[in-house]
Amino acid sequence: AVVGRSDSLWVIGVEGALPAAVKPGFGVLVLDQGARARGVMLFEGI
């Protein structure tokens, strides 16, 4: 992924194509207890 900022919001760009049947609904930025980013989980659904 590529990470950027737009004003005060994060912008995450996924490199590569998801499987055709996948319809992403939202992402969750996962931080550890030290506030270090671990990655983003991408979920289907609302």
PDB file of all heavy atoms in Angstrom:
ATOM      1  N   ALA A   1       0.840  -1.200   0.000  1.00  0.00           N
ATOM      2  CA  ALA A   1       0.000   0.000   0.000  1.00  0.00           C
ATOM      3  C   ALA A   1       0.873   1.247   0.000  1.00  0.00           C
ATOM      4  O   ALA A   1       2.030   1.209   0.417  1.00  0.00           O
ATOM      5  CB  ALA A   1      -0.918   0.004   1.213  1.00  0.00           C
ATOM      6  N   VAL A   2       0.281   2.324  -0.456  1.00  0.00           N
ATOM      7  CA  VAL A   2       0.911   3.636  -0.436  1.00  0.00           C
ATOM      8  C   VAL A   2       0.093   4.494   0.523  1.00  0.00           C
ATOM      9  O   VAL A   2      -1.135   4.484   0.477  1.00  0.00           O
ATOM     10  CB  VAL A   2       0.906   4.264  -1.846  1.00  0.00           C
ATOM     11  CG1 VAL A   2       1.491   5.652  -1.817  1.00  0.00           C
ATOM     12  CG2 VAL A   2       1.634   3.379  -2.830  1.00  0.00           C
ATOM     13  N   VAL A   3       0.780   5.226   1.402  1.00  0.00           N
ATOM     14  CA  VAL A   3       0.103   6.033   2.420  1.00  0.00           C
ATOM     15  C   VAL A   3       0.363   7.503   2.156  1.00  0.00           C
ATOM     16  O   VAL A   3       1.494   7.897   1.866  1.00  0.00           O
ATOM     17  CB  VAL A   3       0.616   5.659   3.832  1.00  0.00           C
ATOM     18  CG1 VAL A   3      -0.058   6.519   4.891  1.00  0.00           C
ATOM     19  CG2 VAL A   3       0.410   4.179   4.105  1.00  0.00           C
ATOM     20  N   GLY A   4      -0.691   8.290   2.274  1.00  0.00           N
ATOM     21  CA  GLY A   4      -0.560   9.731   2.100  1.00  0.00           C
ATOM     22  C   GLY A   4      -1.540  10.459   3.001  1.00  0.00           C
ATOM     23  O   GLY A   4      -2.253   9.843   3.787  1.00  0.00           O
ATOM     24  N   ARG A   5      -1.559  11.773   2.883  1.00  0.00           N
ATOM     25  CA  ARG A   5      -2.470  12.611   3.675  1.00  0.00           C
ATOM     26  C   ARG A   5      -3.177  13.588   2.746  1.00  0.00           C
ATOM     27  O   ARG A   5      -2.605  14.053   1.774  1.00  0.00           O
ATOM     28  CB  ARG A   5      -1.718  13.398   4.730  1.00  0.00           C
ATOM     29  CG  ARG A   5      -0.888  12.576   5.672  1.00  0.00           C
ATOM     30  CD  ARG A   5      -1.325  12.366   7.020  1.00  0.00           C
ATOM     31  NE  ARG A   5      -2.002  13.427   7.700  1.00  0.00           N
ATOM     32  CZ  ARG A   5      -2.668  13.228   8.802  1.00  0.00           C
ATOM     33  NH1 ARG A   5      -2.721  12.037   9.307  1.00  0.00           N
ATOM     34  NH2 ARG A   5      -3.274  14.201   9.412  1.00  0.00           N
ATOM     35  N   SER A   6      -4.400  13.891   3.102  1.00  0.00           N
ATOM     36  CA  SER A   6      -5.170  14.932   2.436  1.00  0.00           C
ATOM     37  C   SER A   6      -5.810  15.755   3.531  1.00  0.00           C
ATOM     38  O   SER A   6      -6.698  15.263   4.231  1.00  0.00           O
ATOM     39  CB  SER A   6      -6.235  14.319   1.525  1.00  0.00           C
ATOM     40  OG  SER A   6      -7.038  15.330   0.972  1.00  0.00           O
ATOM     41  N   ASP A   7      -5.316  16.959   3.728  1.00  0.00           N
ATOM     42  CA  ASP A   7      -5.722  17.772   4.883  1.00  0.00           C
ATOM     43  C   ASP A   7      -5.416  16.984   6.146  1.00  0.00           C
ATOM     44  O   ASP A   7      -4.299  16.584   6.359  1.00  0.00           O
ATOM     45  CB  ASP A   7      -7.188  18.202   4.785  1.00  0.00           C
ATOM     46  CG  ASP A   7      -7.449  19.111   3.591  1.00  0.00           C
ATOM     47  OD1 ASP A   7      -6.580  19.961   3.310  1.00  0.00           O
ATOM     48  OD2 ASP A   7      -8.485  18.948   2.948  1.00  0.00           O
ATOM     49  N   SER A   8      -6.426  16.693   6.954  1.00  0.00           N
ATOM     50  CA  SER A   8      -6.191  15.967   8.206  1.00  0.00           C
ATOM     51  C   SER A   8      -6.570  14.489   8.099  1.00  0.00           C
ATOM     52  O   SER A   8      -6.597  13.785   9.104  1.00  0.00           O
ATOM     53  CB  SER A   8      -6.997  16.613   9.340  1.00  0.00           C
ATOM     54  OG  SER A   8      -8.377  16.521   9.059  1.00  0.00           O
ATOM     55  N   LEU A   9      -6.854  13.986   6.883  1.00  0.00           N
ATOM     56  CA  LEU A   9      -7.277  12.594   6.700  1.00  0.00           C
ATOM     57  C   LEU A   9      -6.175  11.764   6.059  1.00  0.00           C
ATOM     58  O   LEU A   9      -5.383  12.255   5.267  1.00  0.00           O
ATOM     59  CB  LEU A   9      -8.531  12.536   5.820  1.00  0.00           C
ATOM     60  CG  LEU A   9      -9.762  13.247   6.355  1.00  0.00           C
ATOM     61  CD1 LEU A   9     -10.889  13.171   5.336  1.00  0.00           C
ATOM     62  CD2 LEU A   9     -10.197  12.656   7.682  1.00  0.00           C
ATOM     63  N   TRP A  10      -6.147  10.468   6.390  1.00  0.00           N
ATOM     64  CA  TRP A  10      -5.224   9.522   5.779  1.00  0.00           C
ATOM     65  C   TRP A  10      -5.800   9.067   4.445  1.00  0.00           C
ATOM     66  O   TRP A  10      -7.003   8.896   4.304  1.00  0.00           O
ATOM     67  CB  TRP A  10      -5.028   8.291   6.671  1.00  0.00           C
ATOM     68  CG  TRP A  10      -4.292   8.597   7.923  1.00  0.00           C
ATOM     69  CD1 TRP A  10      -4.819   8.775   9.164  1.00  0.00           C
ATOM     70  CD2 TRP A  10      -2.894   8.769   8.056  1.00  0.00           C
ATOM     71  NE1 TRP A  10      -3.821   9.060  10.056  1.00  0.00           N
ATOM     72  CE2 TRP A  10      -2.629   9.056   9.401  1.00  0.00           C
ATOM     73  CE3 TRP A  10      -1.830   8.717   7.157  1.00  0.00           C
ATOM     74  CZ2 TRP A  10      -1.342   9.283   9.874  1.00  0.00           C
ATOM     75  CZ3 TRP A  10      -0.546   8.936   7.635  1.00  0.00           C
ATOM     76  CH2 TRP A  10      -0.321   9.218   8.979  1.00  0.00           C
ATOM     77  N   VAL A  11      -4.935   8.823   3.489  1.00  0.00           N
ATOM     78  CA  VAL A  11      -5.321   8.257   2.202  1.00  0.00           C
ATOM     79  C   VAL A  11      -4.439   7.031   1.983  1.00  0.00           C
ATOM     80  O   VAL A  11      -3.211   7.147   1.941  1.00  0.00           O
ATOM     81  CB  VAL A  11      -5.130   9.261   1.046  1.00  0.00           C
ATOM     82  CG1 VAL A  11      -5.490   8.621  -0.279  1.00  0.00           C
ATOM     83  CG2 VAL A  11      -5.939  10.518   1.295  1.00  0.00           C
ATOM     84  N   ILE A  12      -5.058   5.858   1.872  1.00  0.00           N
ATOM     85  CA  ILE A  12      -4.340   4.606   1.679  1.00  0.00           C
ATOM     86  C   ILE A  12      -4.656   4.106   0.281  1.00  0.00           C
ATOM     87  O   ILE A  12      -5.828   3.931  -0.071  1.00  0.00           O
ATOM     88  CB  ILE A  12      -4.783   3.529   2.709  1.00  0.00           C
ATOM     89  CG1 ILE A  12      -4.773   4.074   4.142  1.00  0.00           C
ATOM     90  CG2 ILE A  12      -3.956   2.264   2.547  1.00  0.00           C
ATOM     91  CD1 ILE A  12      -3.426   4.453   4.675  1.00  0.00           C
ATOM     92  N   GLY A  13      -3.640   3.866  -0.521  1.00  0.00           N
ATOM     93  CA  GLY A  13      -3.823   3.328  -1.868  1.00  0.00           C
ATOM     94  C   GLY A  13      -3.332   1.900  -1.916  1.00  0.00           C
ATOM     95  O   GLY A  13      -2.193   1.627  -1.543  1.00  0.00           O
ATOM     96  N   VAL A  14      -4.186   0.995  -2.341  1.00  0.00           N
ATOM     97  CA  VAL A  14      -3.832  -0.426  -2.430  1.00  0.00           C
ATOM     98  C   VAL A  14      -3.161  -0.684  -3.772  1.00  0.00           C
ATOM     99  O   VAL A  14      -3.686  -0.302  -4.819  1.00  0.00           O
ATOM    100  CB  VAL A  14      -5.090  -1.317  -2.287  1.00  0.00           C
ATOM    101  CG1 VAL A  14      -4.734  -2.783  -2.440  1.00  0.00           C
ATOM    102  CG2 VAL A  14      -5.759  -1.059  -0.945  1.00  0.00           C
ATOM    103  N   GLU A  15      -1.988  -1.327  -3.732  1.00  0.00           N
ATOM    104  CA  GLU A  15      -1.278  -1.694  -4.956  1.00  0.00           C
ATOM    105  C   GLU A  15      -1.706  -3.100  -5.359  1.00  0.00           C
ATOM    106  O   GLU A  15      -1.579  -4.034  -4.585  1.00  0.00           O
ATOM    107  CB  GLU A  15       0.233  -1.640  -4.743  1.00  0.00           C
ATOM    108  CG  GLU A  15       0.759  -0.247  -4.488  1.00  0.00           C
ATOM    109  CD  GLU A  15       2.264  -0.213  -4.348  1.00  0.00           C
ATOM    110  OE1 GLU A  15       2.922  -1.273  -4.347  1.00  0.00           O
ATOM    111  OE2 GLU A  15       2.799   0.899  -4.216  1.00  0.00           O
ATOM    112  N   GLY A  16      -2.226  -3.242  -6.544  1.00  0.00           N
ATOM    113  CA  GLY A  16      -2.673  -4.542  -7.026  1.00  0.00           C
ATOM    114  C   GLY A  16      -4.182  -4.615  -7.071  1.00  0.00           C
ATOM    115  O   GLY A  16      -4.887  -3.776  -6.511  1.00  0.00           O
ATOM    116  N   ALA A  17      -4.650  -5.629  -7.745  1.00  0.00           N
ATOM    117  CA  ALA A  17      -6.092  -5.806  -7.930  1.00  0.00           C
ATOM    118  C   ALA A  17      -6.632  -6.856  -6.963  1.00  0.00           C
ATOM    119  O   ALA A  17      -6.017  -7.903  -6.766  1.00  0.00           O
ATOM    120  CB  ALA A  17      -6.375  -6.230  -9.365  1.00  0.00           C
ATOM    121  N   LEU A  18      -7.775  -6.547  -6.367  1.00  0.00           N
ATOM    122  CA  LEU A  18      -8.462  -7.519  -5.513  1.00  0.00           C
ATOM    123  C   LEU A  18      -9.144  -8.556  -6.397  1.00  0.00           C
ATOM    124  O   LEU A  18      -9.396  -8.307  -7.575  1.00  0.00           O
ATOM    125  CB  LEU A  18      -9.512  -6.813  -4.657  1.00  0.00           C
ATOM    126  CG  LEU A  18      -9.030  -5.718  -3.711  1.00  0.00           C
ATOM    127  CD1 LEU A  18     -10.215  -5.142  -2.944  1.00  0.00           C
ATOM    128  CD2 LEU A  18      -7.984  -6.232  -2.756  1.00  0.00           C
ATOM    129  N   PRO A  19      -9.472  -9.725  -5.830  1.00  0.00           N
ATOM    130  CA  PRO A  19     -10.244 -10.697  -6.602  1.00  0.00           C
ATOM    131  C   PRO A  19     -11.542 -10.057  -7.113  1.00  0.00           C
ATOM    132  O   PRO A  19     -12.139  -9.207  -6.444  1.00  0.00           O
ATOM    133  CB  PRO A  19     -10.537 -11.801  -5.583  1.00  0.00           C
ATOM    134  CG  PRO A  19      -9.419 -11.686  -4.571  1.00  0.00           C
ATOM    135  CD  PRO A  19      -9.121 -10.217  -4.499  1.00  0.00           C
ATOM    136  N   ALA A  20     -11.979 -10.455  -8.305  1.00  0.00           N
ATOM    137  CA  ALA A  20     -13.124  -9.827  -8.969  1.00  0.00           C
ATOM    138  C   ALA A  20     -14.395  -9.839  -8.129  1.00  0.00           C
ATOM    139  O   ALA A  20     -15.197  -8.914  -8.193  1.00  0.00           O
ATOM    140  CB  ALA A  20     -13.377 -10.509 -10.303  1.00  0.00           C
ATOM    141  N   ALA A  21     -14.617 -10.872  -7.348  1.00  0.00           N
ATOM    142  CA  ALA A  21     -15.857 -10.989  -6.572  1.00  0.00           C
ATOM    143  C   ALA A  21     -15.855 -10.148  -5.290  1.00  0.00           C
ATOM    144  O   ALA A  21     -16.885 -10.008  -4.647  1.00  0.00           O
ATOM    145  CB  ALA A  21     -16.105 -12.452  -6.206  1.00  0.00           C
ATOM    146  N   VAL A  22     -14.723  -9.573  -4.921  1.00  0.00           N
ATOM    147  CA  VAL A  22     -14.611  -8.811  -3.667  1.00  0.00           C
ATOM    148  C   VAL A  22     -15.102  -7.391  -3.868  1.00  0.00           C
ATOM    149  O   VAL A  22     -14.685  -6.701  -4.801  1.00  0.00           O
ATOM    150  CB  VAL A  22     -13.153  -8.807  -3.154  1.00  0.00           C
ATOM    151  CG1 VAL A  22     -12.996  -7.885  -1.965  1.00  0.00           C
ATOM    152  CG2 VAL A  22     -12.719 -10.215  -2.791  1.00  0.00           C
ATOM    153  N   LYS A  23     -15.978  -6.956  -2.979  1.00  0.00           N
ATOM    154  CA  LYS A  23     -16.506  -5.592  -2.988  1.00  0.00           C
ATOM    155  C   LYS A  23     -16.181  -4.942  -1.644  1.00  0.00           C
ATOM    156  O   LYS A  23     -16.910  -5.102  -0.669  1.00  0.00           O
ATOM    157  CB  LYS A  23     -18.028  -5.587  -3.207  1.00  0.00           C
ATOM    158  CG  LYS A  23     -18.470  -6.291  -4.465  1.00  0.00           C
ATOM    159  CD  LYS A  23     -17.963  -5.581  -5.710  1.00  0.00           C
ATOM    160  CE  LYS A  23     -18.453  -6.277  -6.954  1.00  0.00           C
ATOM    161  NZ  LYS A  23     -17.435  -6.654  -7.873  1.00  0.00           N
ATOM    162  N   PRO A  24     -15.045  -4.211  -1.550  1.00  0.00           N
ATOM    163  CA  PRO A  24     -14.660  -3.628  -0.276  1.00  0.00           C
ATOM    164  C   PRO A  24     -15.689  -2.622   0.224  1.00  0.00           C
ATOM    165  O   PRO A  24     -16.288  -1.885  -0.566  1.00  0.00           O
ATOM    166  CB  PRO A  24     -13.323  -2.957  -0.561  1.00  0.00           C
ATOM    167  CG  PRO A  24     -13.248  -2.816  -2.031  1.00  0.00           C
ATOM    168  CD  PRO A  24     -14.143  -3.849  -2.631  1.00  0.00           C
ATOM    169  N   GLY A  25     -15.888  -2.613   1.559  1.00  0.00           N
ATOM    170  CA  GLY A  25     -16.848  -1.704   2.165  1.00  0.00           C
ATOM    171  C   GLY A  25     -16.198  -0.657   3.050  1.00  0.00           C
ATOM    172  O   GLY A  25     -16.650   0.474   3.127  1.00  0.00           O
ATOM    173  N   PHE A  26     -15.113  -1.051   3.762  1.00  0.00           N
ATOM    174  CA  PHE A  26     -14.392  -0.114   4.621  1.00  0.00           C
ATOM    175  C   PHE A  26     -13.065  -0.729   5.039  1.00  0.00           C
ATOM    176  O   PHE A  26     -12.874  -1.938   4.969  1.00  0.00           O
ATOM    177  CB  PHE A  26     -15.221   0.278   5.850  1.00  0.00           C
ATOM    178  CG  PHE A  26     -15.504  -0.849   6.811  1.00  0.00           C
ATOM    179  CD1 PHE A  26     -14.755  -0.997   7.972  1.00  0.00           C
ATOM    180  CD2 PHE A  26     -16.520  -1.759   6.567  1.00  0.00           C
ATOM    181  CE1 PHE A  26     -15.017  -2.022   8.864  1.00  0.00           C
ATOM    182  CE2 PHE A  26     -16.798  -2.786   7.447  1.00  0.00           C
ATOM    183  CZ  PHE A  26     -16.041  -2.919   8.602  1.00  0.00           C
ATOM    184  N   GLY A  27     -12.144   0.140   5.476  1.00  0.00           N
ATOM    185  CA  GLY A  27     -10.853  -0.298   5.984  1.00  0.00           C
ATOM    186  C   GLY A  27     -10.709   0.101   7.438  1.00  0.00           C
ATOM    187  O   GLY A  27     -11.327   1.068   7.892  1.00  0.00           O
ATOM    188  N   VAL A  28      -9.885  -0.661   8.165  1.00  0.00           N
ATOM    189  CA  VAL A  28      -9.600  -0.366   9.571  1.00  0.00           C
ATOM    190  C   VAL A  28      -8.089  -0.284   9.734  1.00  0.00           C
ATOM    191  O   VAL A  28      -7.383  -1.270   9.518  1.00  0.00           O
ATOM    192  CB  VAL A  28     -10.174  -1.447  10.517  1.00  0.00           C
ATOM    193  CG1 VAL A  28      -9.805  -1.133  11.965  1.00  0.00           C
ATOM    194  CG2 VAL A  28     -11.675  -1.578  10.356  1.00  0.00           C
ATOM    195  N   LEU A  29      -7.597   0.896  10.096  1.00  0.00           N
ATOM    196  CA  LEU A  29      -6.185   1.080  10.415  1.00  0.00           C
ATOM    197  C   LEU A  29      -5.947   0.478  11.788  1.00  0.00           C
ATOM    198  O   LEU A  29      -6.600   0.861  12.762  1.00  0.00           O
ATOM    199  CB  LEU A  29      -5.815   2.564  10.416  1.00  0.00           C
ATOM    200  CG  LEU A  29      -4.397   2.914  10.864  1.00  0.00           C
ATOM    201  CD1 LEU A  29      -3.359   2.311   9.924  1.00  0.00           C
ATOM    202  CD2 LEU A  29      -4.231   4.416  10.960  1.00  0.00           C
ATOM    203  N   VAL A  30      -5.027  -0.491  11.874  1.00  0.00           N
ATOM    204  CA  VAL A  30      -4.730  -1.173  13.129  1.00  0.00           C
ATOM    205  C   VAL A  30      -3.450  -0.589  13.717  1.00  0.00           C
ATOM    206  O   VAL A  30      -2.392  -0.643  13.088  1.00  0.00           O
ATOM    207  CB  VAL A  30      -4.576  -2.694  12.918  1.00  0.00           C
ATOM    208  CG1 VAL A  30      -4.240  -3.391  14.223  1.00  0.00           C
ATOM    209  CG2 VAL A  30      -5.844  -3.280  12.292  1.00  0.00           C
ATOM    210  N   LEU A  31      -3.564  -0.020  14.917  1.00  0.00           N
ATOM    211  CA  LEU A  31      -2.417   0.512  15.653  1.00  0.00           C
ATOM    212  C   LEU A  31      -2.142  -0.387  16.843  1.00  0.00           C
ATOM    213  O   LEU A  31      -3.083  -0.887  17.480  1.00  0.00           O
ATOM    214  CB  LEU A  31      -2.706   1.923  16.170  1.00  0.00           C
ATOM    215  CG  LEU A  31      -3.056   2.987  15.149  1.00  0.00           C
ATOM    216  CD1 LEU A  31      -3.423   4.288  15.853  1.00  0.00           C
ATOM    217  CD2 LEU A  31      -1.916   3.210  14.194  1.00  0.00           C
ATOM    218  N   ASP A  32      -0.858  -0.573  17.182  1.00  0.00           N
ATOM    219  CA  ASP A  32      -0.536  -1.327  18.386  1.00  0.00           C
ATOM    220  C   ASP A  32      -0.582  -0.407  19.603  1.00  0.00           C
ATOM    221  O   ASP A  32      -0.909   0.774  19.486  1.00  0.00           O
ATOM    222  CB  ASP A  32       0.802  -2.053  18.247  1.00  0.00           C
ATOM    223  CG  ASP A  32       2.009  -1.139  18.127  1.00  0.00           C
ATOM    224  OD1 ASP A  32       1.907   0.071  18.474  1.00  0.00           O
ATOM    225  OD2 ASP A  32       3.070  -1.619  17.698  1.00  0.00           O
ATOM    226  N   GLN A  33      -0.264  -0.938  20.758  1.00  0.00           N
ATOM    227  CA  GLN A  33      -0.349  -0.167  22.003  1.00  0.00           C
ATOM    228  C   GLN A  33       0.613   1.022  22.033  1.00  0.00           C
ATOM    229  O   GLN A  33       0.408   1.964  22.776  1.00  0.00           O
ATOM    230  CB  GLN A  33      -0.089  -1.065  23.210  1.00  0.00           C
ATOM    231  CG  GLN A  33      -1.136  -2.161  23.395  1.00  0.00           C
ATOM    232  CD  GLN A  33      -2.510  -1.598  23.675  1.00  0.00           C
ATOM    233  OE1 GLN A  33      -3.211  -1.168  22.771  1.00  0.00           O
ATOM    234  NE2 GLN A  33      -2.895  -1.601  24.927  1.00  0.00           N
ATOM    235  N   GLY A  34       1.656   0.972  21.212  1.00  0.00           N
ATOM    236  CA  GLY A  34       2.611   2.081  21.126  1.00  0.00           C
ATOM    237  C   GLY A  34       2.226   3.091  20.051  1.00  0.00           C
ATOM    238  O   GLY A  34       3.022   3.941  19.690  1.00  0.00           O
ATOM    239  N   ALA A  35       1.023   2.974  19.506  1.00  0.00           N
ATOM    240  CA  ALA A  35       0.490   3.848  18.452  1.00  0.00           C
ATOM    241  C   ALA A  35       1.252   3.714  17.137  1.00  0.00           C
ATOM    242  O   ALA A  35       1.260   4.614  16.318  1.00  0.00           O
ATOM    243  CB  ALA A  35       0.433   5.301  18.912  1.00  0.00           C
ATOM    244  N   ARG A  36       1.893   2.551  16.920  1.00  0.00           N
ATOM    245  CA  ARG A  36       2.555   2.271  15.649  1.00  0.00           C
ATOM    246  C   ARG A  36       1.570   1.569  14.724  1.00  0.00           C
ATOM    247  O   ARG A  36       0.899   0.617  15.133  1.00  0.00           O
ATOM    248  CB  ARG A  36       3.790   1.394  15.863  1.00  0.00           C
ATOM    249  CG  ARG A  36       4.930   2.131  16.550  1.00  0.00           C
ATOM    250  CD  ARG A  36       6.121   1.210  16.797  1.00  0.00           C
ATOM    251  NE  ARG A  36       5.769   0.072  17.632  1.00  0.00           N
ATOM    252  CZ  ARG A  36       5.820   0.069  18.962  1.00  0.00           C
ATOM    253  NH1 ARG A  36       6.205   1.146  19.620  1.00  0.00           N
ATOM    254  NH2 ARG A  36       5.495  -1.003  19.650  1.00  0.00           N
ATOM    255  N   ALA A  37       1.509   2.019  13.483  1.00  0.00           N
ATOM    256  CA  ALA A  37       0.614   1.402  12.505  1.00  0.00           C
ATOM    257  C   ALA A  37       1.114   0.002  12.168  1.00  0.00           C
ATOM    258  O   ALA A  37       2.285  -0.197  11.862  1.00  0.00           O
ATOM    259  CB  ALA A  37       0.541   2.253  11.254  1.00  0.00           C
ATOM    260  N   ARG A  38       0.210  -0.967  12.242  1.00  0.00           N
ATOM    261  CA  ARG A  38       0.524  -2.351  11.866  1.00  0.00           C
ATOM    262  C   ARG A  38       0.115  -2.612  10.422  1.00  0.00           C
ATOM    263  O   ARG A  38       0.749  -3.372   9.725  1.00  0.00           O
ATOM    264  CB  ARG A  38      -0.214  -3.310  12.789  1.00  0.00           C
ATOM    265  CG  ARG A  38       0.058  -3.120  14.262  1.00  0.00           C
ATOM    266  CD  ARG A  38       1.219  -3.871  14.696  1.00  0.00           C
ATOM    267  NE  ARG A  38       0.972  -5.284  14.376  1.00  0.00           N
ATOM    268  CZ  ARG A  38       1.682  -6.276  14.800  1.00  0.00           C
ATOM    269  NH1 ARG A  38       2.687  -6.047  15.590  1.00  0.00           N
ATOM    270  NH2 ARG A  38       1.427  -7.512  14.454  1.00  0.00           N
ATOM    271  N   GLY A  39      -0.986  -2.003   9.998  1.00  0.00           N
ATOM    272  CA  GLY A  39      -1.502  -2.197   8.648  1.00  0.00           C
ATOM    273  C   GLY A  39      -2.971  -1.846   8.613  1.00  0.00           C
ATOM    274  O   GLY A  39      -3.533  -1.352   9.590  1.00  0.00           O
ATOM    275  N   VAL A  40      -3.591  -2.106   7.485  1.00  0.00           N
ATOM    276  CA  VAL A  40      -5.008  -1.835   7.300  1.00  0.00           C
ATOM    277  C   VAL A  40      -5.716  -3.138   6.959  1.00  0.00           C
ATOM    278  O   VAL A  40      -5.274  -3.869   6.068  1.00  0.00           O
ATOM    279  CB  VAL A  40      -5.241  -0.805   6.168  1.00  0.00           C
ATOM    280  CG1 VAL A  40      -6.724  -0.657   5.855  1.00  0.00           C
ATOM    281  CG2 VAL A  40      -4.637   0.538   6.537  1.00  0.00           C
ATOM    282  N   MET A  41      -6.789  -3.431   7.676  1.00  0.00           N
ATOM    283  CA  MET A  41      -7.645  -4.574   7.357  1.00  0.00           C
ATOM    284  C   MET A  41      -8.767  -4.040   6.469  1.00  0.00           C
ATOM    285  O   MET A  41      -9.397  -3.035   6.806  1.00  0.00           O
ATOM    286  CB  MET A  41      -8.237  -5.200   8.614  1.00  0.00           C
ATOM    287  CG  MET A  41      -7.217  -5.791   9.559  1.00  0.00           C
ATOM    288  SD  MET A  41      -6.316  -7.208   8.902  1.00  0.00           S
ATOM    289  CE  MET A  41      -7.576  -8.458   8.918  1.00  0.00           C
ATOM    290  N   LEU A  42      -9.015  -4.705   5.348  1.00  0.00           N
ATOM    291  CA  LEU A  42     -10.044  -4.283   4.405  1.00  0.00           C
ATOM    292  C   LEU A  42     -11.217  -5.252   4.495  1.00  0.00           C
ATOM    293  O   LEU A  42     -11.047  -6.458   4.314  1.00  0.00           O
ATOM    294  CB  LEU A  42      -9.464  -4.255   2.992  1.00  0.00           C
ATOM    295  CG  LEU A  42     -10.303  -3.650   1.896  1.00  0.00           C
ATOM    296  CD1 LEU A  42     -10.628  -2.183   2.193  1.00  0.00           C
ATOM    297  CD2 LEU A  42      -9.585  -3.763   0.558  1.00  0.00           C
ATOM    298  N   PHE A  43     -12.398  -4.720   4.805  1.00  0.00           N
ATOM    299  CA  PHE A  43     -13.596  -5.524   5.016  1.00  0.00           C
ATOM    300  C   PHE A  43     -14.608  -5.289   3.900  1.00  0.00           C
ATOM    301  O   PHE A  43     -14.713  -4.189   3.375  1.00  0.00           O
ATOM    302  CB  PHE A  43     -14.278  -5.141   6.338  1.00  0.00           C
ATOM    303  CG  PHE A  43     -13.504  -5.527   7.558  1.00  0.00           C
ATOM    304  CD1 PHE A  43     -12.480  -4.718   8.035  1.00  0.00           C
ATOM    305  CD2 PHE A  43     -13.806  -6.689   8.247  1.00  0.00           C
ATOM    306  CE1 PHE A  43     -11.771  -5.063   9.171  1.00  0.00           C
ATOM    307  CE2 PHE A  43     -13.103  -7.037   9.385  1.00  0.00           C
ATOM    308  CZ  PHE A  43     -12.083  -6.228   9.855  1.00  0.00           C
ATOM    309  N   GLU A  44     -15.389  -6.311   3.611  1.00  0.00           N
ATOM    310  CA  GLU A  44     -16.562  -6.155   2.761  1.00  0.00           C
ATOM    311  C   GLU A  44     -17.717  -5.746   3.671  1.00  0.00           C
ATOM    312  O   GLU A  44     -17.636  -5.875   4.883  1.00  0.00           O
ATOM    313  CB  GLU A  44     -16.891  -7.458   2.042  1.00  0.00           C
ATOM    314  CG  GLU A  44     -15.827  -7.842   1.025  1.00  0.00           C
ATOM    315  CD  GLU A  44     -16.222  -9.023   0.180  1.00  0.00           C
ATOM    316  OE1 GLU A  44     -16.893  -8.806  -0.839  1.00  0.00           O
ATOM    317  OE2 GLU A  44     -15.867 -10.152   0.564  1.00  0.00           O
ATOM    318  N   GLY A  45     -18.800  -5.255   3.114  1.00  0.00           N
ATOM    319  CA  GLY A  45     -19.959  -4.872   3.915  1.00  0.00           C
ATOM    320  C   GLY A  45     -19.974  -3.390   4.220  1.00  0.00           C
ATOM    321  O   GLY A  45     -19.126  -2.625   3.774  1.00  0.00           O
ATOM    322  N   ILE A  46     -20.960  -3.012   5.018  1.00  0.00           N
ATOM    323  CA  ILE A  46     -21.134  -1.595   5.339  1.00  0.00           C
ATOM    324  C   ILE A  46     -20.204  -1.195   6.485  1.00  0.00           C
ATOM    325  O   ILE A  46     -19.892  -2.010   7.348  1.00  0.00           O
ATOM    326  CB  ILE A  46     -22.601  -1.263   5.672  1.00  0.00           C
ATOM    327  CG1 ILE A  46     -23.077  -2.081   6.868  1.00  0.00           C
ATOM    328  CG2 ILE A  46     -23.501  -1.498   4.473  1.00  0.00           C
ATOM    329  CD1 ILE A  46     -24.451  -1.678   7.375  1.00  0.00           C
TER     330      ILE A  46
END
